[in-house]
Protein backbone atom coordinates (compact mmCIF):
# COMPACT_ATOMS: atom_id res chain seq x y z
CA UNK A 1 0.00 0.00 0.00
CA UNK A 2 1.32 3.43 -0.88
CA UNK A 3 1.24 6.31 1.54
CA UNK A 4 -0.95 9.33 0.82
CA UNK A 5 0.71 12.31 -0.86
CA UNK A 6 1.76 15.22 1.30
CA UNK A 7 0.78 18.78 0.38
CA UNK A 8 3.97 19.47 -1.59
CA UNK A 9 3.59 16.26 -3.59
CA UNK A 10 -0.09 17.04 -4.25
CA UNK A 11 0.89 20.51 -5.44
CA UNK A 12 3.53 19.11 -7.81
CA UNK A 13 1.09 16.50 -9.08
CA UNK A 14 -1.56 19.18 -9.65
CA UNK A 15 0.88 21.38 -11.56
CA UNK A 16 2.01 18.46 -13.73
CA UNK A 17 -1.61 17.58 -14.51
CA UNK A 18 -2.29 21.23 -15.35
CA UNK A 19 0.74 21.33 -17.67
CA UNK A 20 -0.38 18.16 -19.48
CA UNK A 21 -3.93 19.44 -19.88
CA UNK A 22 -2.91 22.91 -21.07
CA UNK A 23 -0.41 21.44 -23.52
CA UNK A 24 -3.11 19.09 -24.85
CA UNK A 25 -5.54 21.98 -25.29
CA UNK A 26 -2.88 24.05 -27.05
CA UNK A 27 -2.20 21.21 -29.47
CA UNK A 28 -5.90 20.69 -30.11
CA UNK A 29 -6.42 24.33 -30.97
CA UNK A 30 -3.22 25.18 -32.88
CA UNK A 31 -1.32 21.93 -33.46
CA UNK A 32 2.44 21.85 -32.94
CA UNK A 33 2.56 25.64 -33.22
CA UNK A 34 0.24 25.81 -30.22
CA UNK A 35 2.50 23.42 -28.29
CA UNK A 36 5.53 25.60 -29.06
CA UNK A 37 3.71 28.80 -28.03
CA UNK A 38 2.55 27.17 -24.80
CA UNK A 39 6.08 26.15 -23.81
CA UNK A 40 7.47 29.56 -24.74
CA UNK A 41 4.91 31.20 -22.42
CA UNK A 42 5.71 28.78 -19.58
CA UNK A 43 9.46 29.28 -20.06
CA UNK A 44 9.15 33.07 -20.13
CA UNK A 45 7.18 32.96 -16.90
CA UNK A 46 9.78 30.71 -15.26
CA UNK A 47 12.62 32.98 -16.39
CA UNK A 48 10.91 36.05 -14.93
CA UNK A 49 10.36 34.24 -11.62
CA UNK A 50 14.03 33.23 -11.55
CA UNK A 51 15.17 36.79 -12.22
CA UNK A 52 12.92 38.12 -9.43
CA UNK A 53 14.45 35.50 -7.13
CA UNK A 54 17.95 36.77 -7.90
CA UNK A 55 18.92 34.09 -10.41
CA UNK A 56 19.59 36.41 -13.33
CA UNK A 57 21.70 33.79 -15.13
CA UNK A 58 18.42 32.39 -16.49
CA UNK A 59 18.37 35.07 -19.20
CA UNK A 60 21.84 34.38 -20.65
CA UNK A 61 21.14 30.64 -20.29
CA UNK A 62 17.97 30.92 -22.36
CA UNK A 63 19.83 33.11 -24.85
CA UNK A 64 22.49 30.44 -25.28
CA UNK A 65 19.87 27.74 -25.82
CA UNK A 66 18.15 29.91 -28.45
CA UNK A 67 21.45 30.60 -30.20
CA UNK A 68 22.24 26.86 -30.23
CA UNK A 69 18.81 26.07 -31.64
CA UNK A 70 19.19 28.74 -34.32
CA UNK A 71 22.62 27.40 -35.26
CA UNK A 72 21.26 23.85 -35.54
CA UNK A 73 18.38 25.02 -37.74
CA UNK A 74 20.76 27.00 -39.93
CA UNK A 75 23.17 24.10 -40.39
CA UNK A 76 20.29 21.78 -41.19
CA UNK A 77 19.00 24.23 -43.80
CA UNK A 78 22.50 24.26 -45.26
CA UNK A 79 22.44 20.50 -45.70
CA UNK A 80 24.34 19.46 -42.55
CA UNK A 81 21.86 17.90 -40.14
CA UNK A 82 24.40 16.39 -37.72
CA UNK A 83 24.09 19.17 -35.12
CA UNK A 84 20.30 19.09 -35.38
CA UNK A 85 20.22 15.32 -34.91
CA UNK A 86 22.58 15.50 -31.92
CA UNK A 87 20.53 18.29 -30.33
CA UNK A 88 17.25 16.40 -30.79
CA UNK A 89 18.77 13.17 -29.46
CA UNK A 90 20.15 14.96 -26.39
CA UNK A 91 16.88 16.78 -25.77
CA UNK A 92 14.94 13.51 -25.93
CA UNK A 93 17.32 11.83 -23.47
CA UNK A 94 17.15 14.69 -20.97
CA UNK A 95 13.37 14.94 -21.16
CA UNK A 96 12.94 11.21 -20.68
CA UNK A 97 15.09 11.31 -17.57
CA UNK A 98 13.95 14.56 -15.97
CA UNK A 99 10.57 15.65 -17.30
CA UNK A 100 8.06 15.14 -14.47
CA UNK A 101 5.17 14.99 -16.94
CA UNK A 102 6.26 11.53 -18.11
């Protein structure tokens, strides 16, 4: 028998359920573009919360991730998809290991 969840665990579970549901609704209404817009909004909100909490390195970190993504897209458009494939493989591995929604 499993123990009941404490308030922190219930809060985390509720947030994860909310994220899943909102992502699903975004996909239903706008497809993959809706999914992307949803995650951009969530990420922007998280960055602003981090900055308010004194963790201003979130902005340059996000900037670096965006630059990397842009570089991978550009190389793929130029016919070299190795960086894109590596980035997607790494992203999938990290999300499988650390994404609480799964």
